[in-house]
Amino acid sequence: MKTPTRLVAATVFLGCAVGMAWSQQAGPDLGRDEFMSNCASCHGVDGKGGGPVARGLTTKPSDLTSLARRSGGALPVQLVWEMIDGRASVDIWAHGTRDMPVWGADYRAMAQLQPDPAISGRPEWYVRGRIVALIDYLQRLQIK
């Protein structure tokens, strides 16, 4: 007995669509993982500045969900990059001090400890990858 071509096509299409949706949901979210590992303790899991460590800090952590709104509607990527990386300058913010860890230096040190020469031999790519993933996640946190 012949199976109608449309039925076969629909079945294949649905199988592919479900598979793609599942793989996208099951894949790692590197930016979120980075945020939860290194930022949430101060900025909170919601990014609003109320993490468990925030009470002990002299300067309250920024509300990261309103960065775009406070910058005219677009995430200030270069400024956010410089603040996360921290190696270019210690006085890039108006308050003139740096209360945040210098993640660029930490990421570079982590890269150099990696056994994989593709990572340890190119530590700046490792640093950039982690910062890009984090900025992507921060973009998704922005309130509309």
Protein backbone atom coordinates (compact mmCIF):
# COMPACT_ATOMS: atom_id res chain seq x y z
CA MET A 1 0.00 0.00 0.00
CA LYS A 2 1.33 3.46 -0.92
CA THR A 3 1.67 6.12 1.73
CA PRO A 4 0.54 9.53 0.51
CA THR A 5 3.49 11.81 -0.22
CA ARG A 6 2.02 14.65 1.79
CA LEU A 7 1.70 12.49 4.88
CA VAL A 8 5.33 11.38 4.64
CA ALA A 9 6.49 14.97 4.06
CA ALA A 10 4.44 16.22 7.02
CA THR A 11 5.81 13.50 9.28
CA VAL A 12 9.41 14.26 8.29
CA PHE A 13 8.83 17.99 8.71
CA LEU A 14 7.32 17.57 12.18
CA GLY A 15 10.11 15.21 13.22
CA CYS A 16 12.74 17.73 12.14
CA ALA A 17 10.94 20.64 13.81
CA VAL A 18 10.58 18.78 17.11
CA GLY A 19 14.22 17.66 16.95
CA MET A 20 15.44 21.18 16.28
CA ALA A 21 13.33 22.64 19.07
CA TRP A 22 14.55 20.00 21.50
CA SER A 23 18.21 20.50 20.58
CA GLN A 24 17.90 24.26 21.04
CA GLN A 25 16.32 23.85 24.45
CA ALA A 26 18.73 21.15 25.55
CA GLY A 27 21.85 23.02 24.46
CA PRO A 28 23.96 24.87 26.99
CA ASP A 29 23.38 28.57 27.58
CA LEU A 30 26.97 29.67 28.07
CA GLY A 31 26.05 33.27 28.87
CA ARG A 32 23.54 32.25 31.53
CA ASP A 33 26.00 29.75 32.99
CA GLU A 34 28.69 32.44 33.10
CA PHE A 35 26.32 34.88 34.77
CA MET A 36 25.17 32.38 37.39
CA SER A 37 28.75 31.34 38.14
CA ASN A 38 30.37 34.76 38.37
CA CYS A 39 27.79 37.54 38.54
CA ALA A 40 24.67 36.36 40.36
CA SER A 41 26.31 36.37 43.79
CA CYS A 42 26.44 40.19 43.62
CA HIS A 43 23.89 41.15 40.95
CA GLY A 44 21.32 38.48 41.89
CA VAL A 45 19.93 35.70 39.72
CA ASP A 46 17.54 38.24 38.21
CA GLY A 47 20.34 40.76 37.53
CA LYS A 48 18.73 43.52 39.59
CA GLY A 49 21.59 43.92 42.08
CA GLY A 50 20.24 41.96 45.03
CA GLY A 51 22.57 38.97 45.22
CA PRO A 52 23.51 37.44 48.57
CA VAL A 53 26.93 39.16 48.58
CA ALA A 54 25.46 42.61 47.83
CA ARG A 55 24.70 43.33 51.51
CA GLY A 56 28.40 43.25 52.35
CA LEU A 57 29.54 45.57 49.57
CA THR A 58 30.14 49.28 50.05
CA THR A 59 28.72 50.07 46.59
CA LYS A 60 25.43 48.43 45.65
CA PRO A 61 25.78 46.30 42.50
CA SER A 62 24.14 47.74 39.39
CA ASP A 63 20.74 46.71 38.14
CA LEU A 64 21.91 44.98 34.97
CA THR A 65 18.39 44.67 33.57
CA SER A 66 18.12 48.41 32.95
CA LEU A 67 21.47 49.04 31.23
CA ALA A 68 19.87 49.60 27.82
CA ARG A 69 17.10 51.83 29.17
CA ARG A 70 19.62 53.98 31.04
CA SER A 71 21.69 54.29 27.86
CA GLY A 72 18.98 55.54 25.52
CA GLY A 73 17.50 52.18 24.54
CA ALA A 74 20.55 50.18 23.43
CA LEU A 75 22.89 48.09 25.52
CA PRO A 76 26.21 50.00 25.72
CA VAL A 77 28.22 46.99 24.59
CA GLN A 78 31.66 48.63 24.59
CA LEU A 79 31.21 50.04 28.08
CA VAL A 80 29.83 46.74 29.39
CA TRP A 81 32.74 44.89 27.73
CA GLU A 82 35.28 47.20 29.37
CA MET A 83 33.63 46.85 32.76
CA ILE A 84 33.58 43.05 32.58
CA ASP A 85 37.10 42.76 31.16
CA GLY A 86 38.49 45.41 33.50
CA ARG A 87 42.06 45.31 32.20
CA ALA A 88 41.95 48.50 30.12
CA SER A 89 41.22 50.99 32.87
CA VAL A 90 40.20 51.09 36.49
CA ASP A 91 38.38 54.42 36.22
CA ILE A 92 35.97 53.95 33.33
CA TRP A 93 32.92 54.61 35.49
CA ALA A 94 31.82 57.96 36.85
CA HIS A 95 32.50 57.00 40.46
CA GLY A 96 36.19 56.56 39.61
CA THR A 97 36.69 53.23 41.37
CA ARG A 98 36.38 49.64 40.39
CA ASP A 99 34.38 47.51 42.78
CA MET A 100 33.97 44.62 40.36
CA PRO A 101 36.51 41.82 39.81
CA VAL A 102 38.77 42.16 36.76
CA TRP A 103 37.26 39.21 34.91
CA GLY A 104 39.53 39.60 31.86
CA ALA A 105 42.59 38.80 33.98
CA ASP A 106 40.79 35.91 35.70
CA TYR A 107 39.60 34.43 32.40
CA ARG A 108 43.10 34.76 30.91
CA ALA A 109 44.62 32.93 33.89
CA MET A 110 41.98 30.19 33.55
CA ALA A 111 42.78 29.82 29.84
CA GLN A 112 46.48 29.43 30.49
CA LEU A 113 45.76 26.57 32.91
CA GLN A 114 43.73 24.62 30.35
CA PRO A 115 45.35 21.38 29.11
CA ASP A 116 43.96 21.96 25.61
CA PRO A 117 46.60 23.88 23.61
CA ALA A 118 43.85 25.40 21.46
CA ILE A 119 42.72 27.26 24.58
CA SER A 120 45.96 27.75 26.48
CA GLY A 121 47.77 28.84 23.32
CA ARG A 122 45.16 31.49 22.52
CA PRO A 123 44.02 32.83 25.90
CA GLU A 124 42.59 36.08 24.50
CA TRP A 125 40.13 34.11 22.36
CA TYR A 126 39.00 32.31 25.50
CA VAL A 127 38.57 35.65 27.31
CA ARG A 128 36.61 37.12 24.40
CA GLY A 129 34.37 34.07 24.09
CA ARG A 130 33.35 34.23 27.72
CA ILE A 131 32.71 37.97 27.61
CA VAL A 132 30.68 37.70 24.39
CA ALA A 133 28.54 34.95 25.93
CA LEU A 134 27.98 37.07 29.03
CA ILE A 135 27.05 40.18 27.03
CA ASP A 136 24.63 38.10 24.97
CA TYR A 137 22.94 36.99 28.18
CA LEU A 138 22.86 40.55 29.55
CA GLN A 139 21.18 41.65 26.33
CA ARG A 140 18.46 39.08 26.95
CA LEU A 141 17.99 40.35 30.53
CA GLN A 142 17.16 43.89 29.43
CA ILE A 143 13.70 45.13 30.37
CA LYS A 144 11.62 46.31 27.43
